[in-house]
Amino acid sequence: MKTKLEQAINVTVQDVFSTIVEVELTRPDEQFGDYASNVALQLAGKLQQKPRDIAEKLAVAVKERLSDEIEDVTIAGPGFLNLRLTSKALWQQAGAAPAQSLKGQTIVAEYSDPNPFKVLHVGHLYTSIVGDAIANLLQAGGARVHRVNFGGDVGLHVGKTMWAVLEKLGGEHPEKLKEIDADERAEWLTAAYIAGTKAYDDDEQAKQAIIALNKRVYQLHADKDKTSAFARVYWTCREWSYAYFDEFYDRIGSHFEHYYPESETAPLGLATVKDHIGPVFEESQGAIVFRGDKHDLHTRVFINSEGLPTYEAKDVGLIMKKWQDYHFDRSVVITGNEIIQYMQVVLKAIEQFAPELVKATTHLTHGMVKMTGGAKMSSRKGNILRATEVLDAVQRATKQQHQTDSWDSALGAIKYAFVKQRIGGDIAFDVQESVALEGNSGPYLQYAHARACSILAKSKTQPKRETNLEDAERSLLRKIGEYTEVVDKAVTELMPHHIATYLYEMAQSFNRFYEHNRVIGDERQAVRLALVHEYAAVLNHGLQLLNIPAPEKM
């Protein structure tokens, strides 16, 4: 509706004043109207006329052109146009679908990015939840979305874990891995990583052994070795990691089309970097580097002195692999803020030989999840807050406050607590606040949806979209009609918090309406049921965009 009105006013301006101007409508306070425009002020300088004189001419012409959509046009201040929609237009707006601004585009959404051989921490939980919501927004915009993630199944952290695993097994004895209980495997690998990291830092002999193991892992991939004792230990432990990831994603309702392991991207990254030595990369003390200082960035190593690809080269391989696999129009990558400068260097290097891929890449970053009284996490030192610990804590709190074992409620609590905050800064997370049935929380919105469904289920009367609306009915319908504009904004900015904020505001509007306006048994039952129906549909759609369950009963 907003776009339709803007286009019509543009045409009206051309007809009346023979000039072109970009009209953008805004939402004023409800008492002034449903939309407002400063187009008369924009035209005043061009036409050398008083803004109010322009506004008066436009008000008449706009109302005549948009008689089905505009009930009244008033002029405020020096020449602002305030537009009041007809009830028919409000109903149309409430039932409209979001704009398909991304229709026809292929977009790769990469997020979560856990490393095999390491534990999933609360940061992975956050980026998985927010990544799901952003991928949903891209789909809502009409794009074909491919959800992928990227993780290090090769690299020094694997060498550290493998060193400790072999120590625990007393050598290369893959058969002993069968002794590890399935429920303990993830924790067993985490303990191995922590032990390997400590040994690498404290013991020079262990450090050299870990460096050698790191090379062996790369070599077994190069040799496609699946049968040697060392390879069987490695592949079994890698399989455990991916099974652990799958279980985690199933629990939170995430899904990925493809996991890109570094072993898959490293060879292509290595070859690509080598192909551009000279024009883009150069040798330095036995390593291959990109001189970022020439671009006011850091200089970084892409191939180390051992001839192995660094994270940078693996990321080069990743973007090339994603392009080979999907020929994307856009690639959205979601990571923590700590690698902003790292990614700037990687993308600047790629820009030198594949500028079109960099132009198509959007890097979104977020801060750290800070629990009440929490400290910074470090999986290297072992004092991490595990993702599963956070999920378990929310589930316990949900059971305590709601007297229910509903996983949907717990999931709604933690997901909403994350997505309601603007992506970019640190994320404050309070378990008890997240599960509250009152206030700006996921369970509050889930209960609001269930309550609306209950009202609809109580009546066999058919909802009716009447155009003769009472003030309170019109006000609620106006708020419901804002939804598609909020979705369009969230899609454009890739900011899910816009959806969360709107849903909470709409639920509050409905509660105020319902407090003073009976639905079932009232003479206006049919029209009010229609309002409840639209309200529930928007709540359901919005919660689905945020990947939050929308129960019909609670």
Protein backbone atom coordinates (compact mmCIF):
# COMPACT_ATOMS: atom_id res chain seq x y z
CA MET A 1 0.00 0.00 0.00
CA LYS A 2 2.77 2.46 0.94
CA THR A 3 4.56 1.92 -2.36
CA LYS A 4 1.32 2.24 -4.30
CA LEU A 5 0.55 5.56 -2.62
CA GLU A 6 4.07 6.90 -3.17
CA GLN A 7 3.93 6.04 -6.86
CA ALA A 8 0.50 7.62 -7.25
CA ILE A 9 1.63 10.83 -5.55
CA ASN A 10 4.70 10.92 -7.78
CA VAL A 11 2.43 10.78 -10.83
CA THR A 12 0.15 13.44 -9.33
CA VAL A 13 3.10 15.80 -8.81
CA GLN A 14 4.11 15.35 -12.45
CA ASP A 15 0.56 15.99 -13.63
CA VAL A 16 -0.04 19.08 -11.50
CA PHE A 17 3.41 20.68 -11.47
CA SER A 18 5.22 19.09 -14.45
CA THR A 19 8.18 18.17 -12.27
CA ILE A 20 9.69 15.00 -10.85
CA VAL A 21 10.35 14.45 -7.17
CA GLU A 22 10.95 11.35 -5.04
CA VAL A 23 8.04 10.97 -2.64
CA GLU A 24 8.62 9.04 0.57
CA LEU A 25 5.76 8.56 2.99
CA THR A 26 6.30 8.29 6.73
CA ARG A 27 4.10 7.11 9.60
CA PRO A 28 2.94 10.04 11.77
CA ASP A 29 1.26 9.77 15.15
CA GLU A 30 -2.13 8.19 14.63
CA GLN A 31 -3.98 11.38 15.57
CA PHE A 32 -2.56 13.09 12.45
CA GLY A 33 -3.30 10.35 9.93
CA ASP A 34 -1.95 7.10 8.56
CA TYR A 35 0.79 8.55 6.34
CA ALA A 36 2.52 11.90 6.00
CA SER A 37 4.56 13.56 3.26
CA ASN A 38 6.78 16.64 3.08
CA VAL A 39 6.60 16.67 -0.74
CA ALA A 40 5.23 20.22 -0.75
CA LEU A 41 8.31 21.44 1.10
CA GLN A 42 10.50 19.57 -1.38
CA LEU A 43 8.78 21.28 -4.28
CA ALA A 44 8.75 24.78 -2.81
CA GLY A 45 12.33 25.59 -3.79
CA LYS A 46 11.97 24.15 -7.27
CA LEU A 47 8.71 25.90 -8.04
CA GLN A 48 9.41 29.11 -6.12
CA GLN A 49 6.01 28.83 -4.46
CA LYS A 50 4.86 28.72 -0.87
CA PRO A 51 4.77 25.12 0.46
CA ARG A 52 1.25 25.52 1.78
CA ASP A 53 -0.05 26.69 -1.59
CA ILE A 54 1.53 23.60 -3.19
CA ALA A 55 0.10 21.38 -0.46
CA GLU A 56 -3.43 22.70 -1.01
CA LYS A 57 -3.30 21.90 -4.73
CA LEU A 58 -1.81 18.47 -4.07
CA ALA A 59 -4.37 17.62 -1.37
CA VAL A 60 -7.23 18.02 -3.82
CA ALA A 61 -5.48 16.14 -6.64
CA VAL A 62 -4.24 13.28 -4.44
CA LYS A 63 -7.66 12.72 -2.87
CA GLU A 64 -9.26 12.65 -6.31
CA ARG A 65 -6.70 10.23 -7.76
CA LEU A 66 -6.74 7.90 -4.74
CA SER A 67 -10.40 8.04 -3.77
CA ASP A 68 -10.55 4.30 -3.04
CA GLU A 69 -7.51 4.43 -0.78
CA ILE A 70 -7.57 7.92 0.75
CA GLU A 71 -10.44 9.05 2.94
CA ASP A 72 -9.05 12.47 3.76
CA VAL A 73 -5.99 14.66 3.16
CA THR A 74 -5.20 17.43 5.62
CA ILE A 75 -2.44 20.03 5.71
CA ALA A 76 -0.32 20.62 8.79
CA GLY A 77 2.25 23.26 9.61
CA PRO A 78 3.94 24.95 6.67
CA GLY A 79 2.76 22.33 4.19
CA PHE A 80 2.90 18.74 5.42
CA LEU A 81 0.33 16.41 3.87
CA ASN A 82 -1.39 14.00 6.25
CA LEU A 83 -3.23 11.12 4.60
CA ARG A 84 -5.99 9.09 6.22
CA LEU A 85 -6.74 5.72 4.60
CA THR A 86 -10.20 4.37 3.92
CA SER A 87 -11.30 1.36 5.94
CA LYS A 88 -11.23 -0.69 2.74
CA ALA A 89 -7.58 0.24 2.20
CA LEU A 90 -6.74 -0.63 5.82
CA TRP A 91 -8.20 -4.12 5.37
CA GLN A 92 -6.26 -4.57 2.13
CA GLN A 93 -3.08 -3.47 3.83
CA ALA A 94 -3.61 -5.87 6.73
CA GLY A 95 -3.92 -8.84 4.39
CA ALA A 96 -1.08 -7.88 2.05
CA ALA A 97 2.06 -9.95 1.57
CA PRO A 98 5.57 -8.48 2.00
CA ALA A 99 7.21 -7.07 -1.10
CA GLN A 100 9.35 -9.49 -3.10
CA SER A 101 12.32 -7.15 -3.47
CA LEU A 102 14.77 -10.06 -3.73
CA LYS A 103 12.74 -12.16 -6.14
CA GLY A 104 14.92 -14.07 -8.60
CA GLN A 105 18.08 -13.68 -6.54
CA THR A 106 20.20 -16.60 -5.33
CA ILE A 107 21.67 -15.85 -1.92
CA VAL A 108 24.06 -17.93 0.16
CA ALA A 109 23.66 -17.37 3.91
CA GLU A 110 26.67 -18.59 5.88
CA TYR A 111 26.49 -18.61 9.65
CA SER A 112 27.08 -20.63 12.83
CA ASP A 113 30.47 -21.91 11.59
CA PRO A 114 31.45 -24.33 14.39
CA ASN A 115 34.82 -26.07 14.35
CA PRO A 116 34.88 -29.87 14.58
CA PHE A 117 37.00 -31.16 17.48
CA LYS A 118 35.81 -28.23 19.64
CA VAL A 119 32.74 -27.53 21.75
CA LEU A 120 29.78 -25.36 20.73
CA HIS A 121 29.58 -22.29 22.96
CA VAL A 122 26.88 -19.66 23.51
CA GLY A 123 28.28 -17.58 20.64
CA HIS A 124 27.45 -20.42 18.24
CA LEU A 125 23.96 -20.53 19.73
CA TYR A 126 23.49 -16.81 19.12
CA THR A 127 24.78 -16.73 15.55
CA SER A 128 22.74 -19.85 14.68
CA ILE A 129 19.52 -18.27 15.97
CA VAL A 130 20.10 -14.86 14.40
CA GLY A 131 21.41 -16.46 11.20
CA ASP A 132 18.21 -18.49 10.88
CA ALA A 133 16.14 -15.32 11.24
CA ILE A 134 18.20 -13.45 8.64
CA ALA A 135 17.99 -16.37 6.21
CA ASN A 136 14.21 -16.37 6.75
CA LEU A 137 14.10 -12.66 5.98
CA LEU A 138 15.96 -13.24 2.72
CA GLN A 139 13.40 -15.88 1.79
CA ALA A 140 10.55 -13.55 2.76
CA GLY A 141 12.05 -11.07 0.31
CA GLY A 142 11.66 -13.65 -2.46
CA ALA A 143 15.24 -14.91 -2.69
CA ARG A 144 16.29 -18.52 -3.14
CA VAL A 145 18.43 -19.05 -0.05
CA HIS A 146 21.14 -21.64 0.51
CA ARG A 147 22.07 -22.05 4.19
CA VAL A 148 25.65 -23.20 4.73
CA ASN A 149 28.26 -23.18 7.42
CA PHE A 150 32.01 -23.43 7.55
CA GLY A 151 34.26 -25.16 10.04
CA GLY A 152 37.86 -26.16 10.62
CA ASP A 153 38.36 -29.91 10.32
CA VAL A 154 42.03 -29.17 9.62
CA GLY A 155 44.35 -26.73 11.31
CA LEU A 156 46.31 -26.31 14.49
CA HIS A 157 43.30 -26.78 16.78
CA VAL A 158 42.79 -30.24 15.22
CA GLY A 159 46.45 -31.03 15.80
CA LYS A 160 46.05 -30.07 19.46
CA THR A 161 42.97 -32.26 19.90
CA MET A 162 44.51 -35.19 18.04
CA TRP A 163 47.64 -35.02 20.22
CA ALA A 164 45.54 -35.30 23.39
CA VAL A 165 43.30 -37.99 21.86
CA LEU A 166 46.33 -40.15 21.05
CA GLU A 167 47.63 -39.57 24.56
CA LYS A 168 44.30 -40.75 25.99
CA LEU A 169 44.25 -43.80 23.71
CA GLY A 170 47.88 -44.66 24.43
CA GLY A 171 48.75 -44.33 20.73
CA GLU A 172 47.03 -44.83 17.40
CA HIS A 173 44.39 -47.26 18.57
CA PRO A 174 41.08 -46.46 16.83
CA GLU A 175 39.45 -49.56 18.30
CA LYS A 176 39.64 -47.98 21.77
CA LEU A 177 37.31 -45.20 20.67
CA LYS A 178 34.48 -47.72 20.88
CA GLU A 179 34.88 -47.60 24.64
CA ILE A 180 33.70 -43.96 24.74
CA ASP A 181 29.98 -43.73 25.50
CA ALA A 182 28.01 -41.93 22.76
CA ASP A 183 26.62 -39.39 25.24
CA GLU A 184 30.13 -38.49 26.40
CA ARG A 185 31.89 -38.10 23.06
CA ALA A 186 31.47 -34.36 22.59
CA GLU A 187 32.65 -33.62 26.12
CA TRP A 188 35.51 -36.10 25.71
CA LEU A 189 36.72 -34.25 22.60
CA THR A 190 36.35 -30.90 24.32
CA ALA A 191 38.52 -32.08 27.20
CA ALA A 192 41.08 -33.32 24.66
CA TYR A 193 41.19 -29.94 22.93
CA ILE A 194 41.68 -28.12 26.21
CA ALA A 195 44.45 -30.54 27.24
CA GLY A 196 46.14 -30.25 23.84
CA THR A 197 46.03 -26.46 23.97
CA LYS A 198 47.63 -26.41 27.42
CA ALA A 199 50.36 -28.81 26.27
CA TYR A 200 51.05 -26.68 23.19
CA ASP A 201 51.48 -23.59 25.38
CA ASP A 202 53.49 -25.20 28.20
CA ASP A 203 55.51 -28.06 26.70
CA GLU A 204 57.92 -27.47 23.80
CA GLN A 205 58.15 -31.18 23.00
CA ALA A 206 54.37 -31.48 22.88
CA LYS A 207 54.23 -28.34 20.75
CA GLN A 208 56.51 -29.83 18.11
CA ALA A 209 54.52 -33.08 18.15
CA ILE A 210 51.30 -31.09 17.63
CA ILE A 211 52.80 -29.20 14.70
CA ALA A 212 53.78 -32.55 13.15
CA LEU A 213 50.28 -33.94 13.73
CA ASN A 214 48.80 -30.87 12.07
CA LYS A 215 50.81 -31.68 8.93
CA ARG A 216 49.74 -35.33 9.10
CA VAL A 217 46.07 -34.31 9.13
CA TYR A 218 46.55 -32.22 5.99
CA GLN A 219 48.43 -35.09 4.39
CA LEU A 220 45.75 -37.70 5.11
CA HIS A 221 43.28 -35.47 3.27
CA ALA A 222 45.69 -35.10 0.37
CA ASP A 223 46.19 -38.88 0.28
CA LYS A 224 42.46 -39.55 0.81
CA ASP A 225 43.54 -41.86 3.60
CA LYS A 226 40.61 -43.52 5.34
CA THR A 227 42.24 -46.76 6.46
CA SER A 228 45.44 -46.09 8.40
CA ALA A 229 45.15 -46.23 12.18
CA PHE A 230 45.81 -42.50 12.49
CA ALA A 231 43.22 -41.73 9.79
CA ARG A 232 40.61 -43.93 11.47
CA VAL A 233 41.09 -42.07 14.76
CA TYR A 234 40.77 -38.75 12.95
CA TRP A 235 37.72 -39.63 10.86
CA THR A 236 35.90 -41.18 13.83
CA CYS A 237 36.45 -38.08 15.95
CA ARG A 238 35.38 -35.82 13.08
CA GLU A 239 32.23 -37.88 12.66
CA TRP A 240 31.51 -37.48 16.36
CA SER A 241 31.78 -33.70 15.99
CA TYR A 242 29.36 -33.52 13.09
CA ALA A 243 26.89 -35.80 14.87
CA TYR A 244 27.11 -33.44 17.86
CA PHE A 245 26.43 -30.47 15.56
CA ASP A 246 23.44 -32.20 13.96
CA GLU A 247 21.94 -32.96 17.36
CA PHE A 248 22.39 -29.34 18.42
CA TYR A 249 20.82 -27.95 15.25
CA ASP A 250 17.90 -30.36 15.52
CA ARG A 251 17.31 -29.20 19.05
CA ILE A 252 17.08 -25.52 18.11
CA GLY A 253 15.26 -26.08 14.82
CA SER A 254 18.09 -25.05 12.49
CA HIS A 255 19.05 -26.73 9.25
CA PHE A 256 21.89 -26.37 6.77
CA GLU A 257 22.14 -27.41 3.18
CA HIS A 258 25.89 -27.91 3.32
CA TYR A 259 28.77 -27.95 5.81
CA TYR A 260 31.95 -26.63 4.21
CA PRO A 261 34.87 -28.22 6.06
CA GLU A 262 38.20 -26.43 5.72
CA SER A 263 39.64 -29.58 4.20
CA GLU A 264 37.30 -28.94 1.26
CA THR A 265 38.19 -25.27 0.80
CA ALA A 266 41.91 -25.37 1.68
CA PRO A 267 43.17 -26.93 -1.60
CA LEU A 268 41.25 -24.42 -3.74
CA GLY A 269 42.35 -21.54 -1.51
CA LEU A 270 45.96 -22.69 -1.66
CA ALA A 271 45.88 -22.99 -5.46
CA THR A 272 44.12 -19.62 -5.88
CA VAL A 273 46.66 -17.80 -3.72
CA LYS A 274 49.56 -19.44 -5.58
CA ASP A 275 48.01 -18.48 -8.92
CA HIS A 276 48.12 -14.82 -7.89
CA ILE A 277 51.59 -14.60 -6.40
CA GLY A 278 53.13 -11.50 -7.89
CA PRO A 279 50.11 -9.38 -8.81
CA VAL A 280 48.33 -9.87 -5.45
CA PHE A 281 50.41 -11.93 -3.00
CA GLU A 282 54.15 -11.97 -2.34
CA GLU A 283 56.73 -14.04 -0.56
CA SER A 284 58.01 -12.92 2.84
CA GLN A 285 60.42 -14.96 4.98
CA GLY A 286 59.27 -18.21 3.39
CA ALA A 287 55.55 -17.40 3.72
CA ILE A 288 53.08 -15.95 1.22
CA VAL A 289 51.44 -12.72 2.39
CA PHE A 290 49.03 -10.05 1.24
CA ARG A 291 50.36 -6.54 1.83
CA GLY A 292 47.30 -5.03 3.43
CA ASP A 293 49.26 -1.93 4.42
CA LYS A 294 49.02 -0.80 0.79
CA HIS A 295 45.27 -0.52 1.41
CA ASP A 296 45.47 0.87 4.97
CA LEU A 297 44.86 -2.63 6.34
CA HIS A 298 46.97 -5.24 8.12
CA THR A 299 49.42 -7.44 6.24
CA ARG A 300 48.44 -11.08 6.75
CA VAL A 301 49.91 -14.50 5.97
CA PHE A 302 47.91 -16.66 3.54
CA ILE A 303 50.37 -19.57 3.24
CA ASN A 304 52.71 -20.16 6.15
CA SER A 305 56.39 -21.06 5.99
CA GLU A 306 55.49 -24.74 6.27
CA GLY A 307 53.57 -24.42 2.98
CA LEU A 308 50.20 -24.84 4.69
CA PRO A 309 47.19 -22.62 4.03
CA THR A 310 46.21 -20.30 6.87
CA TYR A 311 42.63 -19.36 7.78
CA GLU A 312 42.93 -16.57 5.23
CA ALA A 313 43.65 -18.93 2.34
CA LYS A 314 40.87 -21.25 3.47
CA ASP A 315 38.45 -18.32 3.35
CA VAL A 316 39.64 -17.56 -0.17
CA GLY A 317 38.82 -21.16 -1.05
CA LEU A 318 35.44 -20.87 0.68
CA ILE A 319 34.20 -17.93 -1.35
CA MET A 320 35.42 -19.59 -4.55
CA LYS A 321 33.67 -22.85 -3.59
CA LYS A 322 30.43 -21.04 -2.79
CA TRP A 323 30.59 -19.36 -6.18
CA GLN A 324 31.27 -22.65 -7.96
CA ASP A 325 28.39 -24.35 -6.16
CA TYR A 326 25.73 -21.65 -6.29
CA HIS A 327 26.72 -18.77 -8.64
CA PHE A 328 25.18 -16.49 -6.07
CA ASP A 329 23.88 -12.99 -6.58
CA ARG A 330 24.76 -12.29 -2.99
CA SER A 331 26.66 -13.96 -0.20
CA VAL A 332 25.77 -13.03 3.38
CA VAL A 333 28.32 -14.02 6.02
CA ILE A 334 27.50 -13.67 9.73
CA THR A 335 30.34 -13.73 12.27
CA GLY A 336 31.50 -12.15 15.51
CA ASN A 337 32.89 -8.61 15.63
CA GLU A 338 36.35 -9.89 16.48
CA ILE A 339 37.11 -10.81 12.87
CA ILE A 340 36.01 -7.56 11.21
CA GLN A 341 39.58 -6.51 10.38
CA TYR A 342 40.53 -10.04 9.39
CA MET A 343 37.65 -10.21 6.90
CA GLN A 344 38.50 -6.77 5.54
CA VAL A 345 41.96 -8.05 4.60
CA VAL A 346 40.65 -11.30 3.12
CA LEU A 347 38.04 -9.51 1.04
CA LYS A 348 40.50 -6.84 -0.08
CA ALA A 349 42.87 -9.57 -1.27
CA ILE A 350 40.07 -11.34 -3.18
CA GLU A 351 38.96 -8.00 -4.62
CA GLN A 352 42.25 -7.79 -6.53
CA PHE A 353 41.37 -10.79 -8.72
CA ALA A 354 37.61 -11.38 -8.22
CA PRO A 355 36.03 -7.98 -7.46
CA GLU A 356 32.56 -9.15 -8.44
CA LEU A 357 32.55 -11.72 -5.61
CA VAL A 358 33.53 -9.14 -3.03
CA LYS A 359 30.92 -6.70 -4.31
CA ALA A 360 28.30 -9.42 -3.85
CA THR A 361 29.42 -10.23 -0.28
CA THR A 362 27.80 -8.75 2.83
CA HIS A 363 29.63 -9.33 6.11
CA LEU A 364 27.37 -8.93 9.16
CA THR A 365 28.94 -9.03 12.60
CA HIS A 366 27.73 -9.26 16.17
CA GLY A 367 29.13 -8.81 19.65
CA MET A 368 29.54 -11.23 22.52
CA VAL A 369 26.73 -12.81 24.49
CA LYS A 370 27.01 -11.53 28.04
CA MET A 371 25.10 -13.44 30.67
CA THR A 372 24.12 -11.65 33.87
CA GLY A 373 27.44 -11.21 35.69
CA GLY A 374 29.19 -13.21 32.95
CA ALA A 375 32.77 -12.95 31.74
CA LYS A 376 34.30 -13.29 28.29
CA MET A 377 34.40 -16.89 27.08
CA SER A 378 37.43 -18.69 25.75
CA SER A 379 37.24 -22.18 24.31
CA ARG A 380 41.03 -22.18 24.22
CA LYS A 381 41.27 -21.98 28.00
CA GLY A 382 38.21 -24.09 28.67
CA ASN A 383 36.18 -21.56 30.67
CA ILE A 384 33.47 -21.40 28.03
CA LEU A 385 29.74 -21.23 28.44
CA ARG A 386 28.50 -24.15 26.40
CA ALA A 387 25.52 -23.72 24.12
CA THR A 388 23.81 -26.75 25.61
CA GLU A 389 24.27 -25.35 29.14
CA VAL A 390 22.39 -22.21 28.14
CA LEU A 391 19.60 -24.22 26.52
CA ASP A 392 19.30 -26.43 29.60
CA ALA A 393 19.19 -23.40 31.91
CA VAL A 394 16.38 -21.81 29.89
CA GLN A 395 14.44 -25.08 29.86
CA ARG A 396 14.76 -25.37 33.66
CA ALA A 397 13.62 -21.77 34.13
CA THR A 398 10.69 -22.32 31.77
CA LYS A 399 9.56 -25.34 33.75
CA GLN A 400 9.91 -23.44 37.02
CA GLN A 401 7.98 -20.34 35.91
CA HIS A 402 5.43 -21.88 33.55
CA GLN A 403 4.98 -25.26 35.24
CA THR A 404 5.44 -26.95 31.88
CA ASP A 405 8.03 -29.05 30.09
CA SER A 406 7.17 -27.34 26.80
CA TRP A 407 10.32 -27.10 24.70
CA ASP A 408 8.50 -24.68 22.39
CA SER A 409 8.25 -22.19 25.25
CA ALA A 410 11.92 -22.55 26.15
CA LEU A 411 12.94 -22.20 22.51
CA GLY A 412 10.73 -19.16 22.09
CA ALA A 413 12.29 -17.61 25.18
CA ILE A 414 15.90 -17.86 24.14
CA LYS A 415 15.38 -17.11 20.45
CA TYR A 416 13.35 -13.99 21.10
CA ALA A 417 15.81 -12.80 23.74
CA PHE A 418 18.50 -12.88 21.08
CA VAL A 419 16.64 -11.58 18.02
CA LYS A 420 14.95 -8.66 19.79
CA GLN A 421 18.35 -7.00 20.16
CA ARG A 422 19.88 -5.17 17.22
CA ILE A 423 22.67 -7.19 15.65
CA GLY A 424 26.05 -5.52 15.98
CA GLY A 425 26.72 -4.84 19.65
CA ASP A 426 27.13 -7.14 22.62
CA ILE A 427 24.07 -9.17 23.59
CA ALA A 428 22.74 -8.97 27.13
CA PHE A 429 20.99 -12.19 28.14
CA ASP A 430 19.09 -12.83 31.34
CA VAL A 431 17.59 -16.31 31.66
CA GLN A 432 14.76 -15.36 34.02
CA GLU A 433 13.79 -12.33 31.95
CA SER A 434 13.74 -14.40 28.78
CA VAL A 435 11.13 -16.87 30.09
CA ALA A 436 8.78 -14.29 31.63
CA LEU A 437 5.15 -14.40 30.49
CA GLU A 438 4.93 -10.64 30.95
CA GLY A 439 7.00 -8.01 29.22
CA ASN A 440 8.97 -8.11 26.01
CA SER A 441 9.66 -11.86 25.81
CA GLY A 442 9.14 -14.81 23.52
CA PRO A 443 6.68 -16.62 25.82
CA TYR A 444 4.61 -13.41 26.04
CA LEU A 445 4.19 -13.38 22.26
CA GLN A 446 3.60 -17.13 22.11
CA TYR A 447 0.89 -16.75 24.73
CA ALA A 448 -0.57 -13.82 22.76
CA HIS A 449 -0.84 -16.05 19.68
CA ALA A 450 -2.39 -18.91 21.66
CA ARG A 451 -4.88 -16.49 23.22
CA ALA A 452 -5.94 -15.19 19.79
CA CYS A 453 -6.37 -18.75 18.53
CA SER A 454 -8.51 -19.52 21.59
CA ILE A 455 -10.80 -16.56 20.88
CA LEU A 456 -11.25 -17.68 17.28
CA ALA A 457 -11.97 -21.26 18.35
CA LYS A 458 -14.77 -20.16 20.70
CA SER A 459 -17.02 -18.84 17.94
CA LYS A 460 -18.62 -20.34 14.85
CA THR A 461 -19.47 -16.89 13.53
CA GLN A 462 -17.74 -16.09 10.25
CA PRO A 463 -15.37 -13.12 10.50
CA LYS A 464 -16.52 -10.14 8.43
CA ARG A 465 -14.44 -7.27 7.10
CA GLU A 466 -16.78 -4.35 7.68
CA THR A 467 -15.78 -0.87 6.50
CA ASN A 468 -17.79 0.94 9.16
CA LEU A 469 -15.21 0.73 11.94
CA GLU A 470 -15.26 2.08 15.45
CA ASP A 471 -12.21 4.13 16.49
CA ALA A 472 -10.67 1.34 18.57
CA GLU A 473 -11.19 -1.18 15.78
CA ARG A 474 -9.65 1.13 13.23
CA SER A 475 -6.66 1.82 15.46
CA LEU A 476 -5.91 -1.90 15.87
CA LEU A 477 -6.35 -2.53 12.15
CA ARG A 478 -3.94 0.30 11.40
CA LYS A 479 -1.30 -1.28 13.62
CA ILE A 480 -1.80 -4.71 12.03
CA GLY A 481 -1.38 -3.09 8.60
CA GLU A 482 2.11 -1.82 9.45
CA TYR A 483 3.49 -5.36 9.36
CA THR A 484 4.45 -5.62 5.70
CA GLU A 485 6.36 -2.34 5.87
CA VAL A 486 8.27 -3.59 8.92
CA VAL A 487 9.12 -6.82 7.11
CA ASP A 488 10.30 -4.89 4.05
CA LYS A 489 12.53 -2.75 6.25
CA ALA A 490 13.92 -5.80 8.05
CA VAL A 491 14.66 -7.49 4.71
CA THR A 492 16.42 -4.41 3.36
CA GLU A 493 18.54 -3.91 6.48
CA LEU A 494 18.84 -7.62 7.42
CA MET A 495 17.82 -6.70 10.95
CA PRO A 496 15.40 -9.19 12.61
CA HIS A 497 14.94 -6.98 15.66
CA HIS A 498 12.53 -4.80 13.64
CA ILE A 499 10.15 -7.78 13.47
CA ALA A 500 10.48 -8.50 17.19
CA THR A 501 9.86 -4.89 18.20
CA TYR A 502 6.80 -4.64 15.97
CA LEU A 503 5.25 -7.93 17.20
CA TYR A 504 5.57 -6.80 20.81
CA GLU A 505 4.02 -3.41 20.03
CA MET A 506 1.17 -5.03 18.11
CA ALA A 507 0.48 -7.49 20.94
CA GLN A 508 0.29 -4.58 23.36
CA SER A 509 -2.12 -2.78 21.02
CA PHE A 510 -4.33 -5.86 20.88
CA ASN A 511 -4.31 -6.27 24.65
CA ARG A 512 -5.43 -2.65 25.08
CA PHE A 513 -8.18 -3.21 22.53
CA TYR A 514 -9.35 -6.49 24.06
CA GLU A 515 -9.42 -5.01 27.54
CA HIS A 516 -12.16 -2.56 26.54
CA ASN A 517 -13.82 -4.26 23.57
CA ARG A 518 -15.54 -7.59 23.98
CA VAL A 519 -15.31 -9.93 20.99
CA ILE A 520 -17.38 -13.05 21.67
CA GLY A 521 -21.02 -12.20 22.31
CA ASP A 522 -20.77 -8.57 21.22
CA GLU A 523 -23.02 -7.20 18.48
CA ARG A 524 -19.84 -6.41 16.54
CA GLN A 525 -18.53 -9.94 16.97
CA ALA A 526 -18.06 -10.62 13.24
CA VAL A 527 -15.85 -7.61 12.51
CA ARG A 528 -13.88 -8.08 15.72
CA LEU A 529 -13.31 -11.72 14.88
CA ALA A 530 -11.92 -10.54 11.55
CA LEU A 531 -9.52 -8.29 13.46
CA VAL A 532 -8.46 -11.16 15.72
CA HIS A 533 -7.97 -13.37 12.67
CA GLU A 534 -5.65 -10.82 10.99
CA TYR A 535 -3.83 -10.23 14.28
CA ALA A 536 -3.21 -13.95 14.81
CA ALA A 537 -2.06 -14.39 11.20
CA VAL A 538 0.49 -11.61 11.54
CA LEU A 539 1.73 -12.94 14.89
CA ASN A 540 2.10 -16.40 13.39
CA HIS A 541 3.95 -15.15 10.32
CA GLY A 542 6.23 -12.90 12.36
CA LEU A 543 7.15 -15.62 14.84
CA GLN A 544 7.87 -18.00 11.95
CA LEU A 545 10.21 -15.41 10.41
CA LEU A 546 12.08 -15.39 13.71
CA ASN A 547 12.02 -19.21 13.68
CA ILE A 548 10.01 -19.22 16.90
CA PRO A 549 7.20 -21.78 17.46
CA ALA A 550 3.71 -20.23 17.42
CA PRO A 551 1.59 -22.61 19.54
CA GLU A 552 -2.19 -22.55 19.32
CA LYS A 553 -2.48 -23.61 22.96
CA MET A 554 -0.36 -22.88 26.05
